[in-house]
């Protein structure tokens, strides 16, 4: 006890001395704990493969490449991006599900892998993968070519109501495809919806006039928007995006269609806890990095960190709600 030191303190000085001593003891205790706490083990692999069903230049490809660039110095890992195309993500899911469960292979998890599983019943589904961590929420935008006939979202809808609409989305099992199907129903449009294997192919067909509009993420459109070759017409978010204040939402245009894409990582079944914990630490840290924050904010990505304990039930709830919608609309039995 401080009183046993019998220094000739006044009451005020005694209280101050106690606080100072307590603070010093707390700092010493914290330092001791920090010294005693074991350092996280190095990541078990020098090279990690990140798999996507997206084409080069598509949303998942862009997401993985920038994330990998940020994570390499933090995790001490070299990342390789592998494109496994076909089946709307079915081949990519099979590739990951059959990979070693040792932290060397992961999949860019988006709503597409849930939708493909529900719509086409492939041999390998999202249920055969382990959710690892979610990174972002990514808003979907409607776009057209800058030199095309449509300056507003309503002009594109009116053209489609006359039976002249040609709309493009990514794979048949993508969230973009479902967003357009819901928009078609809500607007009474007579549009033909064309699916692609990835966002890169879709953008090309909008630019060359094959398609009137496309749906995708702002990040995969960035270079074409900066070059003024594409024009944004609407966004499928609940409210206007801070980075796109002049772009109306589909909802405020009179059509109650709101969709949000998640972007995370899944891996083979049976991943050890030390691997998923390493990813959780790394993603949490990289999202707080100011340099990376400036990059993903510019791309209209919203940080949405979810560790495995949260991401797994999130995907299950998303799948349940999506299946209910598809049944209600007669898409699946």
Protein backbone atom coordinates (compact mmCIF):
# COMPACT_ATOMS: atom_id res chain seq x y z
CA UNK A 1 0.00 0.00 0.00
CA UNK A 2 1.18 3.53 -0.73
CA UNK A 3 0.40 4.65 2.86
CA UNK A 4 3.07 2.30 4.19
CA UNK A 5 5.76 4.34 2.42
CA UNK A 6 4.95 7.16 4.90
CA UNK A 7 6.07 9.95 2.56
CA UNK A 8 4.94 13.39 3.83
CA UNK A 9 2.36 13.88 1.00
CA UNK A 10 -0.67 16.09 1.34
CA UNK A 11 -4.01 14.38 0.60
CA UNK A 12 -4.10 15.82 -2.93
CA UNK A 13 -0.52 14.87 -3.60
CA UNK A 14 -1.16 11.41 -2.17
CA UNK A 15 -4.09 10.85 -4.55
CA UNK A 16 -1.99 12.09 -7.48
CA UNK A 17 0.82 9.81 -6.45
CA UNK A 18 -1.50 6.85 -6.33
CA UNK A 19 -2.78 7.58 -9.84
CA UNK A 20 0.74 7.98 -11.19
CA UNK A 21 1.88 4.80 -9.53
CA UNK A 22 -1.17 2.91 -10.75
CA UNK A 23 -0.56 4.20 -14.26
CA UNK A 24 3.07 3.13 -14.14
CA UNK A 25 2.11 -0.30 -12.86
CA UNK A 26 -0.48 -0.66 -15.60
CA UNK A 27 2.08 0.26 -18.26
CA UNK A 28 4.57 -2.20 -16.83
CA UNK A 29 1.92 -4.92 -16.72
CA UNK A 30 0.89 -4.23 -20.32
CA UNK A 31 4.51 -4.31 -21.43
CA UNK A 32 5.04 -7.60 -19.63
CA UNK A 33 1.94 -9.11 -21.22
CA UNK A 34 3.05 -7.90 -24.65
CA UNK A 35 6.43 -9.52 -24.12
CA UNK A 36 4.83 -12.75 -22.93
CA UNK A 37 2.27 -12.92 -25.76
CA UNK A 38 3.55 -15.24 -28.50
CA UNK A 39 4.06 -13.79 -31.94
CA UNK A 40 1.69 -15.21 -34.57
CA UNK A 41 3.36 -18.02 -36.48
CA UNK A 42 4.46 -17.20 -40.05
CA UNK A 43 1.89 -18.06 -42.67
CA UNK A 44 2.38 -21.74 -43.61
CA UNK A 45 2.88 -21.06 -47.36
CA UNK A 46 5.11 -18.75 -49.38
CA UNK A 47 2.77 -18.93 -52.39
CA UNK A 48 -1.04 -18.80 -52.21
CA UNK A 49 -3.41 -19.20 -55.16
CA UNK A 50 -6.52 -17.04 -55.30
CA UNK A 51 -9.11 -18.45 -57.70
CA UNK A 52 -11.92 -16.65 -59.49
CA UNK A 53 -14.40 -17.65 -62.17
CA UNK A 54 -14.32 -14.04 -63.39
CA UNK A 55 -12.54 -13.11 -66.61
CA UNK A 56 -9.47 -10.84 -66.48
CA UNK A 57 -10.67 -7.31 -65.83
CA UNK A 58 -13.87 -8.52 -64.17
CA UNK A 59 -14.91 -7.44 -60.69
CA UNK A 60 -13.49 -10.41 -58.79
CA UNK A 61 -10.25 -10.27 -60.76
CA UNK A 62 -9.78 -6.57 -59.90
CA UNK A 63 -10.73 -7.19 -56.27
CA UNK A 64 -8.25 -10.05 -55.86
CA UNK A 65 -5.35 -8.32 -57.58
CA UNK A 66 -5.52 -5.16 -55.48
CA UNK A 67 -6.14 -7.10 -52.26
CA UNK A 68 -3.18 -9.37 -53.01
CA UNK A 69 -0.94 -6.37 -53.66
CA UNK A 70 -1.81 -4.98 -50.25
CA UNK A 71 -1.51 -8.29 -48.40
CA UNK A 72 1.80 -9.54 -49.82
CA UNK A 73 4.09 -7.45 -47.58
CA UNK A 74 1.78 -7.91 -44.59
CA UNK A 75 1.53 -11.71 -44.77
CA UNK A 76 4.91 -12.43 -46.38
CA UNK A 77 3.15 -14.35 -49.16
CA UNK A 78 3.31 -14.28 -52.95
CA UNK A 79 -0.19 -14.46 -54.42
CA UNK A 80 -1.11 -15.99 -57.77
CA UNK A 81 -4.46 -15.18 -59.41
CA UNK A 82 -5.95 -18.13 -61.29
CA UNK A 83 -8.99 -17.87 -63.59
CA UNK A 84 -11.08 -21.04 -63.67
CA UNK A 85 -13.91 -20.20 -66.02
CA UNK A 86 -16.99 -22.16 -66.99
CA UNK A 87 -20.29 -23.14 -65.49
CA UNK A 88 -20.93 -19.78 -63.87
CA UNK A 89 -18.38 -20.62 -61.17
CA UNK A 90 -19.10 -24.37 -60.91
CA UNK A 91 -15.65 -25.35 -62.18
CA UNK A 92 -13.95 -22.88 -59.86
CA UNK A 93 -15.87 -24.21 -56.84
CA UNK A 94 -14.88 -27.77 -57.72
CA UNK A 95 -11.25 -26.73 -58.09
CA UNK A 96 -11.21 -25.18 -54.62
CA UNK A 97 -13.27 -27.87 -52.88
CA UNK A 98 -10.78 -30.52 -54.04
CA UNK A 99 -7.67 -28.52 -53.11
CA UNK A 100 -5.66 -29.29 -49.96
CA UNK A 101 -7.20 -27.75 -46.84
CA UNK A 102 -3.90 -26.19 -45.82
CA UNK A 103 -4.30 -22.48 -46.62
CA UNK A 104 -2.72 -22.58 -50.07
CA UNK A 105 -5.88 -22.11 -52.19
CA UNK A 106 -8.87 -19.78 -51.81
CA UNK A 107 -11.87 -18.69 -53.84
CA UNK A 108 -13.27 -15.19 -54.40
CA UNK A 109 -16.66 -15.68 -52.77
CA UNK A 110 -19.49 -13.51 -54.11
CA UNK A 111 -23.27 -14.05 -54.47
CA UNK A 112 -22.52 -15.80 -57.77
CA UNK A 113 -21.35 -18.98 -56.08
CA UNK A 114 -24.60 -19.17 -54.12
CA UNK A 115 -26.78 -18.40 -57.14
CA UNK A 116 -24.99 -20.88 -59.40
CA UNK A 117 -25.45 -23.55 -56.72
CA UNK A 118 -29.19 -22.85 -56.46
CA UNK A 119 -29.92 -22.43 -60.17
CA UNK A 120 -27.94 -25.24 -61.75
CA UNK A 121 -27.35 -27.74 -58.91
CA UNK A 122 -23.70 -28.45 -59.80
CA UNK A 123 -21.87 -31.41 -58.27
CA UNK A 124 -19.92 -28.98 -56.07
CA UNK A 125 -21.79 -26.10 -54.42
CA UNK A 126 -21.03 -23.26 -52.03
CA UNK A 127 -21.88 -25.63 -49.18
CA UNK A 128 -18.77 -27.66 -50.04
CA UNK A 129 -16.50 -24.70 -49.27
CA UNK A 130 -15.51 -23.17 -45.93
CA UNK A 131 -16.28 -19.43 -45.56
CA UNK A 132 -13.12 -17.69 -44.37
CA UNK A 133 -13.61 -13.92 -44.19
CA UNK A 134 -15.68 -11.19 -45.84
CA UNK A 135 -13.91 -8.03 -46.97
CA UNK A 136 -16.33 -5.66 -48.75
CA UNK A 137 -19.84 -4.88 -49.78
CA UNK A 138 -19.89 -3.82 -53.43
CA UNK A 139 -22.77 -1.90 -54.98
CA UNK A 140 -24.03 -2.77 -58.45
CA UNK A 141 -24.42 -0.02 -61.07
CA UNK A 142 -26.24 0.19 -64.41
CA UNK A 143 -24.09 1.59 -67.21
CA UNK A 144 -24.13 2.31 -70.93
CA UNK A 145 -21.67 3.62 -73.49
CA UNK A 146 -21.10 7.38 -73.40
CA UNK A 147 -21.74 7.84 -77.13
CA UNK A 148 -24.91 5.72 -77.06
CA UNK A 149 -28.54 6.82 -77.26
CA UNK A 150 -29.29 6.76 -73.51
CA UNK A 151 -28.51 9.68 -71.23
CA UNK A 152 -30.81 8.59 -68.40
CA UNK A 153 -31.90 5.37 -66.78
CA UNK A 154 -35.54 5.97 -67.71
CA UNK A 155 -34.64 6.31 -71.40
CA UNK A 156 -33.08 2.84 -71.34
CA UNK A 157 -36.14 1.42 -69.58
CA UNK A 158 -38.55 3.02 -72.07
CA UNK A 159 -36.59 1.55 -74.97
CA UNK A 160 -36.79 -1.89 -73.37
CA UNK A 161 -40.54 -1.56 -72.85
CA UNK A 162 -40.92 -1.30 -76.61
CA UNK A 163 -39.18 -4.66 -76.99
CA UNK A 164 -35.83 -3.26 -78.13
CA UNK A 165 -33.87 -3.81 -74.95
CA UNK A 166 -30.60 -5.73 -74.92
CA UNK A 167 -29.24 -6.03 -71.40
CA UNK A 168 -26.04 -7.70 -70.24
CA UNK A 169 -24.96 -9.36 -67.01
CA UNK A 170 -22.20 -11.66 -65.87
CA UNK A 171 -22.70 -15.42 -65.51
CA UNK A 172 -26.22 -16.90 -65.42
CA UNK A 173 -25.85 -17.49 -61.70
CA UNK A 174 -24.66 -13.97 -60.90
CA UNK A 175 -26.27 -11.34 -58.70
CA UNK A 176 -26.17 -9.01 -61.70
CA UNK A 177 -28.31 -11.43 -63.71
CA UNK A 178 -30.82 -11.68 -60.89
CA UNK A 179 -30.86 -7.89 -60.51
CA UNK A 180 -31.75 -7.52 -64.19
CA UNK A 181 -34.42 -10.23 -64.01
CA UNK A 182 -35.99 -8.41 -61.06
CA UNK A 183 -35.71 -5.09 -62.89
CA UNK A 184 -37.33 -6.59 -65.99
CA UNK A 185 -40.28 -7.76 -63.89
CA UNK A 186 -40.59 -4.47 -62.01
CA UNK A 187 -40.52 -2.31 -65.15
CA UNK A 188 -42.46 -4.50 -67.57
CA UNK A 189 -39.53 -4.32 -69.97
CA UNK A 190 -39.26 -6.73 -72.90
CA UNK A 191 -35.49 -6.96 -72.70
CA UNK A 192 -33.31 -9.84 -73.80
CA UNK A 193 -30.80 -10.54 -71.00
CA UNK A 194 -27.46 -11.90 -72.19
CA UNK A 195 -25.09 -13.61 -69.74
CA UNK A 196 -21.29 -13.54 -69.95
CA UNK A 197 -18.50 -15.44 -68.24
CA UNK A 198 -17.17 -12.25 -66.65
CA UNK A 199 -17.34 -8.49 -66.41
CA UNK A 200 -14.56 -7.86 -68.92
CA UNK A 201 -16.46 -9.52 -71.78
CA UNK A 202 -19.64 -7.72 -70.76
CA UNK A 203 -17.99 -4.29 -70.84
CA UNK A 204 -16.69 -4.91 -74.36
CA UNK A 205 -20.20 -5.72 -75.61
CA UNK A 206 -21.61 -2.55 -74.08
CA UNK A 207 -18.82 -0.47 -75.59
CA UNK A 208 -19.31 -1.91 -79.09
CA UNK A 209 -23.07 -1.37 -79.01
CA UNK A 210 -24.08 -5.04 -78.90
CA UNK A 211 -25.80 -4.32 -75.57
CA UNK A 212 -27.78 -1.28 -74.47
CA UNK A 213 -26.88 -1.52 -70.80
CA UNK A 214 -24.81 -3.65 -68.48
CA UNK A 215 -24.72 -4.22 -64.73
CA UNK A 216 -21.48 -4.41 -62.80
CA UNK A 217 -19.34 -2.87 -60.06
CA UNK A 218 -17.82 0.58 -60.22
CA UNK A 219 -14.32 -0.84 -59.63
CA UNK A 220 -14.32 -2.92 -62.81
CA UNK A 221 -15.59 0.07 -64.79
CA UNK A 222 -13.11 2.59 -63.40
CA UNK A 223 -10.73 2.84 -66.35
CA UNK A 224 -13.59 3.20 -68.86
CA UNK A 225 -15.34 5.77 -66.68
CA UNK A 226 -12.12 7.77 -66.33
CA UNK A 227 -11.74 7.68 -70.12
CA UNK A 228 -15.35 8.88 -70.47
CA UNK A 229 -16.28 5.83 -72.54
CA UNK A 230 -19.01 4.65 -70.17
CA UNK A 231 -21.87 6.50 -68.46
CA UNK A 232 -23.49 5.44 -65.19
CA UNK A 233 -27.29 5.48 -65.27
CA UNK A 234 -28.35 4.10 -61.87
CA UNK A 235 -27.23 2.17 -58.81
CA UNK A 236 -29.02 -0.73 -57.11
CA UNK A 237 -28.23 0.50 -53.58
CA UNK A 238 -30.76 1.56 -50.95
CA UNK A 239 -29.59 5.18 -51.19
CA UNK A 240 -27.23 7.18 -53.40
CA UNK A 241 -23.56 6.43 -52.97
CA UNK A 242 -21.35 9.15 -51.45
CA UNK A 243 -18.89 8.71 -54.30
CA UNK A 244 -21.64 8.95 -56.94
CA UNK A 245 -24.00 11.65 -55.63
CA UNK A 246 -25.40 12.48 -59.08
CA UNK A 247 -26.31 8.88 -59.96
CA UNK A 248 -29.92 8.00 -58.96
CA UNK A 249 -30.87 4.72 -57.35
CA UNK A 250 -33.12 2.28 -59.16
CA UNK A 251 -35.46 2.52 -56.18
CA UNK A 252 -35.88 6.29 -56.37
CA UNK A 253 -36.65 5.88 -60.07
CA UNK A 254 -39.77 4.01 -58.98
CA UNK A 255 -38.66 0.36 -59.03
CA UNK A 256 -38.18 -1.38 -55.68
CA UNK A 257 -35.10 -3.40 -56.61
CA UNK A 258 -32.13 -3.25 -54.19
CA UNK A 259 -29.18 -5.65 -54.31
CA UNK A 260 -25.81 -5.71 -52.56
CA UNK A 261 -22.82 -7.86 -53.47
CA UNK A 262 -20.49 -9.24 -50.82
CA UNK A 263 -16.84 -9.90 -51.57
CA UNK A 264 -14.93 -12.33 -49.43
CA UNK A 265 -12.91 -15.52 -49.46
CA UNK A 266 -13.81 -19.19 -49.08
CA UNK A 267 -11.55 -22.21 -49.03
CA UNK A 268 -11.53 -25.99 -49.07
CA UNK A 269 -13.51 -27.74 -46.32
CA UNK A 270 -11.64 -28.42 -43.11
CA UNK A 271 -9.36 -25.39 -42.98
CA UNK A 272 -7.42 -25.28 -39.70
CA UNK A 273 -8.24 -22.50 -37.27
CA UNK A 274 -4.73 -21.03 -37.40
CA UNK A 275 -5.15 -20.40 -41.15
CA UNK A 276 -8.52 -18.67 -40.87
CA UNK A 277 -7.25 -16.66 -37.89
CA UNK A 278 -4.26 -15.47 -39.94
CA UNK A 279 -6.63 -14.22 -42.66
CA UNK A 280 -8.84 -12.50 -40.13
CA UNK A 281 -5.86 -10.62 -38.66
CA UNK A 282 -4.56 -9.66 -42.09
CA UNK A 283 -7.89 -8.46 -43.51
CA UNK A 284 -8.71 -6.45 -40.41
CA UNK A 285 -5.30 -4.78 -40.56
CA UNK A 286 -5.29 -4.05 -44.28
CA UNK A 287 -8.75 -2.48 -44.21
CA UNK A 288 -7.49 0.00 -41.62
CA UNK A 289 -4.50 1.01 -43.74
CA UNK A 290 -5.05 4.61 -44.92
CA UNK A 291 -3.42 4.03 -48.31
CA UNK A 292 -5.65 1.06 -49.08
CA UNK A 293 -8.68 2.93 -47.70
CA UNK A 294 -8.15 5.67 -50.26
CA UNK A 295 -8.05 3.04 -53.02
CA UNK A 296 -11.14 1.07 -52.08
CA UNK A 297 -13.12 4.22 -51.26
CA UNK A 298 -12.42 5.49 -54.77
CA UNK A 299 -13.74 2.20 -56.13
CA UNK A 300 -16.99 2.61 -54.16
CA UNK A 301 -16.23 -0.46 -52.02
CA UNK A 302 -17.61 -0.43 -48.47
CA UNK A 303 -15.44 -2.21 -45.87
CA UNK A 304 -17.51 -5.01 -44.34
CA UNK A 305 -15.11 -7.18 -42.33
CA UNK A 306 -16.70 -10.41 -41.09
CA UNK A 307 -14.60 -13.13 -39.44
CA UNK A 308 -15.45 -16.73 -40.15
CA UNK A 309 -17.83 -16.96 -37.18
CA UNK A 310 -19.96 -14.21 -38.74
CA UNK A 311 -19.38 -14.85 -42.44
CA UNK A 312 -20.58 -18.46 -42.33
CA UNK A 313 -24.09 -17.66 -40.96
CA UNK A 314 -24.24 -14.59 -43.22
CA UNK A 315 -23.81 -16.77 -46.32
CA UNK A 316 -26.33 -19.29 -45.00
CA UNK A 317 -28.90 -16.51 -44.47
CA UNK A 318 -28.18 -15.03 -47.91
CA UNK A 319 -28.66 -18.44 -49.52
CA UNK A 320 -31.92 -19.02 -47.66
CA UNK A 321 -33.35 -15.63 -48.64
CA UNK A 322 -32.22 -16.03 -52.25
CA UNK A 323 -33.74 -19.51 -52.53
CA UNK A 324 -37.03 -18.17 -51.15
CA UNK A 325 -37.04 -15.40 -53.79
CA UNK A 326 -36.25 -17.82 -56.62
CA UNK A 327 -39.04 -20.17 -55.52
CA UNK A 328 -41.54 -17.32 -55.15
CA UNK A 329 -40.80 -16.18 -58.70
CA UNK A 330 -40.97 -19.69 -60.14
CA UNK A 331 -37.30 -19.83 -61.13
CA UNK A 332 -36.67 -22.96 -59.06
CA UNK A 333 -39.01 -25.54 -57.55
